[in-house]
Every structure is written in structure tokens, then in C-alpha cells.
Amino acid sequence: MSNLSELELQNLRHLIGGYETSHCKMNAYAQQSQDAQVKQFFAKAAQSAMQNKQDLMQFLS
């Protein structure tokens, strides 16, 4: 892996934080949903956000 610049690290931090926020919000929406399809939609969105966060974090290791 090549070294990341400071700007690239800042961008990664920003993206990772955004995906973490999205994951938390989508989980909360899924838990509050009464409709099964809506609940499933938000649960999948939360899972996708977490996967994206984990993919980005691989650049930091």
C-alpha cells in the first residue's frame, strides 16, 4: 500500500464518519418501522453503510 496524503486521510475520515452516521440512523429507522418492507429496506441500508465503512477502513490498515 502506498502512503496516503493528509488530504486523503481527511477524506477517508469524513467518509467513514458519514457511513457510521448513516448506519446508526438506518438502524434506528428500521427499529421504529411498523411495516415489514420498510423495516427490511432500512435494515439493508444500514448493513450496506456498515460494509462501506469497513471497506474504507481497510485503507487505514
N, C-alpha and C. Protein backbone atom coordinates (compact mmCIF):
# COMPACT_ATOMS: atom_id res chain seq x y z
N MET A 1 0.85 -1.18 0.00
CA MET A 1 0.00 0.00 0.00
C MET A 1 0.89 1.24 0.00
N SER A 2 0.53 2.21 -0.81
CA SER A 2 1.28 3.45 -0.82
C SER A 2 0.83 4.33 0.34
N ASN A 3 1.68 5.28 0.69
CA ASN A 3 1.34 6.19 1.77
C ASN A 3 0.22 7.13 1.33
N LEU A 4 -0.69 7.40 2.23
CA LEU A 4 -1.79 8.31 1.95
C LEU A 4 -1.40 9.71 2.35
N SER A 5 -1.83 10.68 1.57
CA SER A 5 -1.56 12.07 1.91
C SER A 5 -2.49 12.50 3.04
N GLU A 6 -2.19 13.63 3.62
CA GLU A 6 -3.03 14.16 4.70
C GLU A 6 -4.45 14.43 4.20
N LEU A 7 -4.57 14.94 3.00
CA LEU A 7 -5.89 15.21 2.42
C LEU A 7 -6.67 13.92 2.21
N GLU A 8 -6.00 12.88 1.74
CA GLU A 8 -6.66 11.59 1.56
C GLU A 8 -7.12 11.01 2.89
N LEU A 9 -6.31 11.16 3.93
CA LEU A 9 -6.70 10.69 5.26
C LEU A 9 -7.91 11.47 5.78
N GLN A 10 -7.92 12.77 5.56
CA GLN A 10 -9.06 13.59 5.99
C GLN A 10 -10.32 13.18 5.24
N ASN A 11 -10.19 12.92 3.95
CA ASN A 11 -11.34 12.48 3.17
C ASN A 11 -11.86 11.13 3.64
N LEU A 12 -10.96 10.21 3.92
CA LEU A 12 -11.36 8.91 4.45
C LEU A 12 -12.09 9.06 5.78
N ARG A 13 -11.55 9.90 6.65
CA ARG A 13 -12.17 10.13 7.96
C ARG A 13 -13.58 10.67 7.78
N HIS A 14 -13.74 11.61 6.87
CA HIS A 14 -15.04 12.20 6.60
C HIS A 14 -16.02 11.15 6.06
N LEU A 15 -15.58 10.35 5.10
CA LEU A 15 -16.45 9.32 4.52
C LEU A 15 -16.82 8.25 5.54
N ILE A 16 -15.83 7.81 6.31
CA ILE A 16 -16.09 6.77 7.32
C ILE A 16 -17.08 7.28 8.36
N GLY A 17 -16.91 8.53 8.79
CA GLY A 17 -17.84 9.11 9.74
C GLY A 17 -19.24 9.21 9.18
N GLY A 18 -19.35 9.56 7.90
CA GLY A 18 -20.66 9.65 7.26
C GLY A 18 -21.35 8.30 7.17
N TYR A 19 -20.59 7.27 6.85
CA TYR A 19 -21.18 5.93 6.79
C TYR A 19 -21.58 5.44 8.18
N GLU A 20 -20.81 5.79 9.19
CA GLU A 20 -21.17 5.41 10.56
C GLU A 20 -22.48 6.09 10.96
N THR A 21 -22.60 7.37 10.64
CA THR A 21 -23.84 8.10 10.94
C THR A 21 -25.01 7.48 10.20
N SER A 22 -24.82 7.18 8.92
CA SER A 22 -25.90 6.57 8.14
C SER A 22 -26.30 5.22 8.72
N HIS A 23 -25.31 4.43 9.11
CA HIS A 23 -25.59 3.12 9.71
C HIS A 23 -26.46 3.27 10.96
N CYS A 24 -26.11 4.19 11.83
CA CYS A 24 -26.87 4.39 13.07
C CYS A 24 -28.29 4.87 12.78
N LYS A 25 -28.42 5.80 11.85
CA LYS A 25 -29.75 6.33 11.52
C LYS A 25 -30.62 5.27 10.88
N MET A 26 -30.06 4.52 9.94
CA MET A 26 -30.85 3.49 9.26
C MET A 26 -31.28 2.39 10.23
N ASN A 27 -30.41 2.04 11.17
CA ASN A 27 -30.80 1.07 12.21
C ASN A 27 -31.94 1.61 13.06
N ALA A 28 -31.85 2.87 13.42
CA ALA A 28 -32.91 3.48 14.23
C ALA A 28 -34.23 3.50 13.46
N TYR A 29 -34.17 3.86 12.19
CA TYR A 29 -35.39 3.87 11.37
C TYR A 29 -35.97 2.47 11.25
N ALA A 30 -35.11 1.48 11.06
CA ALA A 30 -35.58 0.09 10.95
C ALA A 30 -36.27 -0.35 12.23
N GLN A 31 -35.71 0.01 13.37
CA GLN A 31 -36.30 -0.40 14.65
C GLN A 31 -37.64 0.27 14.89
N GLN A 32 -37.82 1.48 14.37
CA GLN A 32 -39.05 2.22 14.60
C GLN A 32 -40.14 1.88 13.58
N SER A 33 -39.77 1.22 12.50
CA SER A 33 -40.72 0.94 11.43
C SER A 33 -41.73 -0.12 11.85
N GLN A 34 -42.96 0.11 11.46
CA GLN A 34 -44.03 -0.85 11.71
C GLN A 34 -44.19 -1.82 10.54
N ASP A 35 -43.99 -1.30 9.34
CA ASP A 35 -44.15 -2.09 8.12
C ASP A 35 -42.93 -2.97 7.88
N ALA A 36 -43.16 -4.23 7.56
CA ALA A 36 -42.06 -5.18 7.39
C ALA A 36 -41.17 -4.82 6.21
N GLN A 37 -41.75 -4.35 5.12
CA GLN A 37 -40.95 -4.00 3.96
C GLN A 37 -40.09 -2.77 4.22
N VAL A 38 -40.64 -1.81 4.92
CA VAL A 38 -39.88 -0.61 5.27
C VAL A 38 -38.76 -0.98 6.23
N LYS A 39 -39.08 -1.82 7.20
CA LYS A 39 -38.07 -2.29 8.17
C LYS A 39 -36.91 -2.98 7.43
N GLN A 40 -37.26 -3.84 6.48
CA GLN A 40 -36.25 -4.56 5.72
C GLN A 40 -35.41 -3.60 4.87
N PHE A 41 -36.05 -2.62 4.27
CA PHE A 41 -35.35 -1.63 3.47
C PHE A 41 -34.29 -0.90 4.29
N PHE A 42 -34.68 -0.42 5.47
CA PHE A 42 -33.74 0.31 6.30
C PHE A 42 -32.66 -0.60 6.88
N ALA A 43 -33.01 -1.84 7.19
CA ALA A 43 -32.02 -2.79 7.70
C ALA A 43 -30.95 -3.07 6.64
N LYS A 44 -31.38 -3.22 5.39
CA LYS A 44 -30.41 -3.45 4.31
C LYS A 44 -29.55 -2.21 4.09
N ALA A 45 -30.15 -1.04 4.18
CA ALA A 45 -29.38 0.21 4.03
C ALA A 45 -28.34 0.34 5.14
N ALA A 46 -28.72 -0.04 6.36
CA ALA A 46 -27.78 0.01 7.48
C ALA A 46 -26.63 -0.96 7.26
N GLN A 47 -26.95 -2.14 6.78
CA GLN A 47 -25.92 -3.14 6.52
C GLN A 47 -24.97 -2.66 5.42
N SER A 48 -25.52 -2.05 4.39
CA SER A 48 -24.70 -1.53 3.29
C SER A 48 -23.78 -0.42 3.78
N ALA A 49 -24.28 0.47 4.61
CA ALA A 49 -23.46 1.55 5.15
C ALA A 49 -22.31 0.99 5.98
N MET A 50 -22.59 -0.04 6.78
CA MET A 50 -21.54 -0.64 7.59
C MET A 50 -20.49 -1.32 6.72
N GLN A 51 -20.92 -1.98 5.66
CA GLN A 51 -19.98 -2.63 4.75
C GLN A 51 -19.09 -1.59 4.06
N ASN A 52 -19.70 -0.49 3.64
CA ASN A 52 -18.92 0.58 3.01
C ASN A 52 -17.89 1.16 3.98
N LYS A 53 -18.30 1.34 5.23
CA LYS A 53 -17.38 1.85 6.26
C LYS A 53 -16.21 0.88 6.44
N GLN A 54 -16.50 -0.40 6.53
CA GLN A 54 -15.46 -1.39 6.73
C GLN A 54 -14.51 -1.45 5.52
N ASP A 55 -15.07 -1.32 4.33
CA ASP A 55 -14.23 -1.31 3.12
C ASP A 55 -13.26 -0.13 3.15
N LEU A 56 -13.76 1.04 3.53
CA LEU A 56 -12.91 2.22 3.59
C LEU A 56 -11.85 2.10 4.68
N MET A 57 -12.20 1.47 5.78
CA MET A 57 -11.25 1.34 6.89
C MET A 57 -10.06 0.46 6.51
N GLN A 58 -10.22 -0.38 5.50
CA GLN A 58 -9.11 -1.21 5.06
C GLN A 58 -7.95 -0.37 4.52
N PHE A 59 -8.26 0.82 4.04
CA PHE A 59 -7.20 1.70 3.56
C PHE A 59 -6.33 2.22 4.70
N LEU A 60 -6.83 2.13 5.91
CA LEU A 60 -6.09 2.65 7.07
C LEU A 60 -5.18 1.60 7.71
N SER A 61 -5.33 0.35 7.28
CA SER A 61 -4.50 -0.69 7.92
C SER A 61 -3.40 -1.15 7.00
